[in-house]
Amino acid sequence: MYSQAIVAGPQIFVSGQIPADNKGELISGSIADKTTQCCENIKGILTEAGVGMDRVVKVNVFLDDMAHFAEMNGVFEKYFSHKPARSCVAVKQLPKGVPVEIECIAFSGTSSKL
């Protein structure tokens, strides 16, 4: 077992979320469905920490194939409409063979864009 998130001062570091439900079962469906589940997991963790998705300042997205980028990005934009800093990389393999994993850093204080 690992920590879902760590609070360090005004920052909340959310561990990589894979497309698994609250029972830990992997969901089936499209990349859009799986990205939605990752984002819902992040949303739940941040809600528990007392902040909203609009407090996310940095996101790292890991895909098993960049061919999934457009579909993932369509969902991503709905959850992160405030456009936090983001990296998206293709990796050889992700835990449990999933095609997408998302981690982020949120800020519980005030922030601004450059």
C-alpha atoms as a PDB file:
ATOM      1  CA  MET A   1       0.000   0.000   0.000  1.00  0.00           C
ATOM      2  CA  TYR A   2       1.133   3.539  -0.665  1.00  0.00           C
ATOM      3  CA  SER A   3       0.055   7.048   0.323  1.00  0.00           C
ATOM      4  CA  GLN A   4      -2.658   8.521  -1.900  1.00  0.00           C
ATOM      5  CA  ALA A   5      -1.271  11.972  -1.120  1.00  0.00           C
ATOM      6  CA  ILE A   6       1.137  13.782   1.151  1.00  0.00           C
ATOM      7  CA  VAL A   7       0.568  17.288   2.479  1.00  0.00           C
ATOM      8  CA  ALA A   8       3.802  19.257   2.811  1.00  0.00           C
ATOM      9  CA  GLY A   9       3.191  22.810   3.926  1.00  0.00           C
ATOM     10  CA  PRO A  10       0.783  24.446   1.471  1.00  0.00           C
ATOM     11  CA  GLN A  11       1.371  21.741  -1.156  1.00  0.00           C
ATOM     12  CA  ILE A  12      -0.528  18.508  -1.697  1.00  0.00           C
ATOM     13  CA  PHE A  13       1.394  15.876  -3.656  1.00  0.00           C
ATOM     14  CA  VAL A  14      -1.087  13.394  -5.137  1.00  0.00           C
ATOM     15  CA  SER A  15       0.365  10.001  -6.012  1.00  0.00           C
ATOM     16  CA  GLY A  16      -0.100   8.601  -9.494  1.00  0.00           C
ATOM     17  CA  GLN A  17      -3.694   7.542 -10.032  1.00  0.00           C
ATOM     18  CA  ILE A  18      -4.559   4.681 -12.324  1.00  0.00           C
ATOM     19  CA  PRO A  19      -8.037   3.877 -13.694  1.00  0.00           C
ATOM     20  CA  ALA A  20      -9.226   1.879 -10.689  1.00  0.00           C
ATOM     21  CA  ASP A  21     -12.449   2.327  -8.741  1.00  0.00           C
ATOM     22  CA  ASN A  22     -12.637   2.888  -4.968  1.00  0.00           C
ATOM     23  CA  LYS A  23     -12.380  -0.875  -4.427  1.00  0.00           C
ATOM     24  CA  GLY A  24      -9.123  -1.008  -6.391  1.00  0.00           C
ATOM     25  CA  GLU A  25     -10.695  -2.757  -9.369  1.00  0.00           C
ATOM     26  CA  LEU A  26      -9.455  -1.647 -12.777  1.00  0.00           C
ATOM     27  CA  ILE A  27     -12.211  -0.227 -14.934  1.00  0.00           C
ATOM     28  CA  SER A  28     -12.765  -1.168 -18.549  1.00  0.00           C
ATOM     29  CA  GLY A  29     -13.575   1.113 -21.449  1.00  0.00           C
ATOM     30  CA  SER A  30     -11.893   3.687 -23.642  1.00  0.00           C
ATOM     31  CA  ILE A  31      -8.926   5.907 -22.842  1.00  0.00           C
ATOM     32  CA  ALA A  32     -11.501   8.635 -22.168  1.00  0.00           C
ATOM     33  CA  ASP A  33     -13.234   6.413 -19.590  1.00  0.00           C
ATOM     34  CA  LYS A  34      -9.933   5.517 -17.976  1.00  0.00           C
ATOM     35  CA  THR A  35      -8.720   9.122 -17.905  1.00  0.00           C
ATOM     36  CA  THR A  36     -12.033  10.126 -16.335  1.00  0.00           C
ATOM     37  CA  GLN A  37     -11.515   7.557 -13.576  1.00  0.00           C
ATOM     38  CA  CYS A  38      -7.979   8.834 -12.915  1.00  0.00           C
ATOM     39  CA  CYS A  39      -9.293  12.399 -12.678  1.00  0.00           C
ATOM     40  CA  GLU A  40     -12.195  11.382 -10.432  1.00  0.00           C
ATOM     41  CA  ASN A  41      -9.696   9.652  -8.131  1.00  0.00           C
ATOM     42  CA  ILE A  42      -7.635  12.853  -7.968  1.00  0.00           C
ATOM     43  CA  LYS A  43     -10.765  14.897  -7.344  1.00  0.00           C
ATOM     44  CA  GLY A  44     -11.744  12.640  -4.435  1.00  0.00           C
ATOM     45  CA  ILE A  45      -8.288  12.838  -2.864  1.00  0.00           C
ATOM     46  CA  LEU A  46      -8.193  16.622  -3.154  1.00  0.00           C
ATOM     47  CA  THR A  47     -11.712  16.937  -1.767  1.00  0.00           C
ATOM     48  CA  GLU A  48     -10.590  14.897   1.237  1.00  0.00           C
ATOM     49  CA  ALA A  49      -7.663  17.330   1.623  1.00  0.00           C
ATOM     50  CA  GLY A  50     -10.086  20.276   1.506  1.00  0.00           C
ATOM     51  CA  VAL A  51      -9.213  21.720  -1.913  1.00  0.00           C
ATOM     52  CA  GLY A  52     -10.748  21.662  -5.372  1.00  0.00           C
ATOM     53  CA  MET A  53      -9.352  20.692  -8.732  1.00  0.00           C
ATOM     54  CA  ASP A  54      -8.799  24.381  -9.479  1.00  0.00           C
ATOM     55  CA  ARG A  55      -5.959  24.308  -6.920  1.00  0.00           C
ATOM     56  CA  VAL A  56      -3.882  21.900  -9.018  1.00  0.00           C
ATOM     57  CA  VAL A  57      -0.738  23.682 -10.207  1.00  0.00           C
ATOM     58  CA  LYS A  58       1.207  20.829 -11.869  1.00  0.00           C
ATOM     59  CA  VAL A  59       0.113  17.606 -13.547  1.00  0.00           C
ATOM     60  CA  ASN A  60       2.158  14.720 -14.913  1.00  0.00           C
ATOM     61  CA  VAL A  61       0.397  12.368 -17.306  1.00  0.00           C
ATOM     62  CA  PHE A  62       1.899   9.031 -18.274  1.00  0.00           C
ATOM     63  CA  LEU A  63       0.582   7.182 -21.331  1.00  0.00           C
ATOM     64  CA  ASP A  64       1.612   3.787 -22.633  1.00  0.00           C
ATOM     65  CA  ASP A  65       1.213   5.129 -26.179  1.00  0.00           C
ATOM     66  CA  MET A  66       1.123   8.727 -27.452  1.00  0.00           C
ATOM     67  CA  ALA A  67      -1.610   7.620 -29.850  1.00  0.00           C
ATOM     68  CA  HIS A  68      -3.909   8.049 -26.810  1.00  0.00           C
ATOM     69  CA  PHE A  69      -2.978  11.721 -26.344  1.00  0.00           C
ATOM     70  CA  ALA A  70      -5.912  13.378 -28.132  1.00  0.00           C
ATOM     71  CA  GLU A  71      -8.543  11.247 -26.391  1.00  0.00           C
ATOM     72  CA  MET A  72      -6.891  11.691 -22.990  1.00  0.00           C
ATOM     73  CA  ASN A  73      -6.525  15.433 -23.575  1.00  0.00           C
ATOM     74  CA  GLY A  74     -10.238  15.826 -24.335  1.00  0.00           C
ATOM     75  CA  VAL A  75     -11.052  14.576 -20.842  1.00  0.00           C
ATOM     76  CA  PHE A  76      -8.099  16.336 -19.217  1.00  0.00           C
ATOM     77  CA  GLU A  77      -9.338  19.742 -20.423  1.00  0.00           C
ATOM     78  CA  LYS A  78     -12.694  19.218 -18.699  1.00  0.00           C
ATOM     79  CA  TYR A  79     -11.094  18.567 -15.305  1.00  0.00           C
ATOM     80  CA  PHE A  80      -8.235  21.056 -15.590  1.00  0.00           C
ATOM     81  CA  SER A  81      -9.859  23.970 -17.435  1.00  0.00           C
ATOM     82  CA  HIS A  82      -7.674  26.393 -15.444  1.00  0.00           C
ATOM     83  CA  LYS A  83      -4.670  25.014 -17.396  1.00  0.00           C
ATOM     84  CA  PRO A  84      -2.106  24.032 -14.763  1.00  0.00           C
ATOM     85  CA  ALA A  85       1.468  23.332 -15.832  1.00  0.00           C
ATOM     86  CA  ARG A  86       1.591  19.874 -17.400  1.00  0.00           C
ATOM     87  CA  SER A  87       3.941  17.243 -18.715  1.00  0.00           C
ATOM     88  CA  CYS A  88       2.780  14.246 -20.729  1.00  0.00           C
ATOM     89  CA  VAL A  89       5.141  11.426 -21.572  1.00  0.00           C
ATOM     90  CA  ALA A  90       4.901   8.005 -23.143  1.00  0.00           C
ATOM     91  CA  VAL A  91       6.346   5.204 -21.051  1.00  0.00           C
ATOM     92  CA  LYS A  92       7.057   1.587 -21.834  1.00  0.00           C
ATOM     93  CA  GLN A  93       4.742   0.180 -19.165  1.00  0.00           C
ATOM     94  CA  LEU A  94       2.522   1.331 -16.289  1.00  0.00           C
ATOM     95  CA  PRO A  95       1.407  -0.471 -13.119  1.00  0.00           C
ATOM     96  CA  LYS A  96      -1.067  -3.304 -13.666  1.00  0.00           C
ATOM     97  CA  GLY A  97      -0.780  -2.832 -17.432  1.00  0.00           C
ATOM     98  CA  VAL A  98      -2.976   0.291 -17.483  1.00  0.00           C
ATOM     99  CA  PRO A  99      -2.681   2.731 -20.401  1.00  0.00           C
ATOM    100  CA  VAL A 100      -2.788   5.965 -18.350  1.00  0.00           C
ATOM    101  CA  GLU A 101      -1.623   7.255 -14.970  1.00  0.00           C
ATOM    102  CA  ILE A 102      -1.938  10.820 -13.662  1.00  0.00           C
ATOM    103  CA  GLU A 103      -0.240  12.520 -10.708  1.00  0.00           C
ATOM    104  CA  CYS A 104      -0.412  16.116  -9.595  1.00  0.00           C
ATOM    105  CA  ILE A 105       0.569  18.796  -7.133  1.00  0.00           C
ATOM    106  CA  ALA A 106      -2.067  21.088  -5.666  1.00  0.00           C
ATOM    107  CA  PHE A 107      -1.601  24.248  -3.642  1.00  0.00           C
ATOM    108  CA  SER A 108      -3.781  25.144  -0.689  1.00  0.00           C
ATOM    109  CA  GLY A 109      -2.623  28.788  -0.574  1.00  0.00           C
ATOM    110  CA  THR A 110      -2.763  31.406  -3.321  1.00  0.00           C
ATOM    111  CA  SER A 111      -1.082  31.110  -6.699  1.00  0.00           C
ATOM    112  CA  SER A 112      -0.878  32.876 -10.034  1.00  0.00           C
ATOM    113  CA  LYS A 113       0.163  32.167 -13.616  1.00  0.00           C
ATOM    114  CA  LEU A 114       3.175  33.781 -15.246  1.00  0.00           C
END
